[in-house]
Each structure stands twice: as structure tokens, then as C-alpha cells.
Amino acid sequence: GHIVRNWKVRWFVLLQDKLLYYKIEGGKKEPSPKGRILLDGCTITCPCLEYENRPLLIKLKTKTNTDYFLECCSREERDSWALDITGAIHAGHPVQVQELHRMKNSFKLLENISLHHIVERMCDNSTGIKLTRNLEQGNRYKETFTGSALVDWLISSSFAVSRFEAVTLASMLMEENFIKPVGARSTEATRYSDLSEQFLDDSTALYMFAESSKKNSSSKEEVQFNISELSGTIVKQGFLMKQGHKRKNWKVRRFVLRADPAFLHYYDPTKEENRPVGGFSLRGCLVSALEDNGVPAGVKGNVQGNLFKIITKNDIHYYIQASSKAERAQWIEAIKPLT
């Protein structure tokens, strides 16, 4: 919203020169549009990373300098809308439109590429990205690389076929906390970026690996422990939204509930390897539904309702969103006997 800075669901219709949006009442869109965004002279930023808890944003800036932030339901939907809107903006330039259609038909990043695999390749001593010391405004940074160097490396390693694709891929690596900006140039872009992408294809923008991406693989003891965790009978599995513990953002995770031993694990659906990214024992846990009238303490970001909470015996709180009240009830009913 422009006056009250809240987020509302709207029904969008893309026309040749404008984007219309409608209010929804009783599950149906109203006959007259609530507003319109004129696309002539518009600039588009996608992905837009200005809101830490909203990774699926598109930003539109009109030629009168009005900003619109549009949130989508998935990365695929976000990228599809961004390409179609960009096509409408450049409708008078058939060569650009043809290139956009080629990108749309060929660029299927999530299906074909594992971000974890890319980071492993980036860290390879012989074929990975070259880490250098850099000086910026009197500050020295060790083991860094520039934005343009990463784009070049992604293309030369065949992870992307164009700089557009490489910037999108690098933005995802930053969004998923595999890499992070360092120094004023790249850090300010993530906060105050306007016309350009928030990941900068620039020889003066510095980035480095986030600590989480440099951790070594599990020790033998941890691997054995994980194997015992994963040996239980699968009772239930499905996709749910989970709030992160550090960044408090919401991400889709595939949850698997096992009995004997009773564990709840969650997996990143964007990664190829079938290994959980987290999980915990259900012994001694408390599970409960959360009311939909208001946002409970400890919950941040985009909350659509149908929340439930699991508190482990070590007092770690997990906040999870289901897609419906019925699905929430089914998960709680399945988890409770195992606690």
C-alpha cells in the first residue's frame, strides 16, 4: 500500500501497456480495477531484495518515480511475471521481446541446478572462483570476489548462458545466504538499490562466501547419528512453510515425519541431494495450533494464517504454516502421538 504500508492480496491483469489490479471480496475479484500501473517508461527490478523477509518481490518504478512492490507465491511465478511485464514494457522493441521469450523458454534454473552444487564448484581449489584481497575506501577484505567476476565464472562454468541469467542465479545465492556482500558498494545496493539489480554485475562490488556455505561436511559420528534418525517409518510428508531461526524469513520446505525413532526432518526442495537441512527429535515436544486473529509473538514476515508451533524439549521454537486449517489439523494430529 502507498498510504498504509501494509500488504494486501490483489488480482492482477497484465495488458499491453498497463498492469491493472483488483480488490478481492468473497473470493472473487471486483468488476472495476482498484488501480493501474502504466508501463510506459517503467523500470523493473527482479529479484528485489529490499525486504529481507520477502524474497519473492518484483519492484516496478514508474516514470513518475512511484515505486510498486509486488509479492508472488513462488520463484517460478515471480520470474514468469517479471519476464511478461518486461516484455510489455519493451513491446515496441521486437528484438528484445524475442530474446525475453527465448530466456523464458530456456531458463529453468530451479529444475536443473542445485545451489549447493554451485557453491561446491565455486569452492574448488582448481576450477572454482578465484578469491583475492581487495581494498575499498581504506578497508582491506580477504578472500573476496567481485560481482562481475562471479557473473563471468557462472557463464564460463556453464551454469548460465547470459549475464541476465547469471545475475539472477547470483541473486539467489545471496538470497539463500551462500554468499554475502562486503564493502560499501555491494552492501548499500542491497539496501538502497533503485534501478539496478541488488546483486551488482560490477567490478567494484565485493562479495564473499557466507560462513554457513564454508562449513565442512559432517563427521563420521554425525553421519551415523543422522542415518539412525532417518531409519524410522515415514508417517507423513508434504510441503509447509517454515520460519527461519536467524533471518526470520519464510521458506517452503518438504517435511518428513518419521516414527521409531520419532523425528521431524525438513528438506530444501531446491537442492538435488536428498539430505535434510534440519530436523529434531519429537520426544518431549509440545505441538499446538496458533490463533489466526493476529500475529503471535515470535512470528515475523508474511503470515497468511494456519500456523502451528512446535517447542522441543530444549525449548527451541519452530513456527510452521500450513496451506489450510485442515492440513494444519492433520499435521498436528500426526505429530502428537509421537511426542
Foldseek 3Di string as FASTA:
>chain_A
DVPPPDDDDWDWDDDLFKIFTFHADPNHTDPDTPDMGGLAQKFKEPPAQQDLQQRQWIWIQHPVGDIDIDGDDDNLVSLVVVLVSVCSNVVVPVVVNVVSVVCNVPPPQLVPDALLVLLVQLPDPPLHQDFAWDADPNDIDGRKAALLSQLVSCCVVVSDVDSVSSQNSVVVCVSVQQKHWDDDPLVVLSNPPDRYYSRDSDRPTMMHGGPVSPDDDDDPVVVVVQVQVPPFDWDDKDWWWWQDPPSRHIDIWIWTFGVPPTKIFTPHSSHDDPDTPDIDGLVQKDKDADDQPDDDPPHDDDDPGQWMWIQHPVRDIIIIHDPDVVVSVVVCVRSVVND
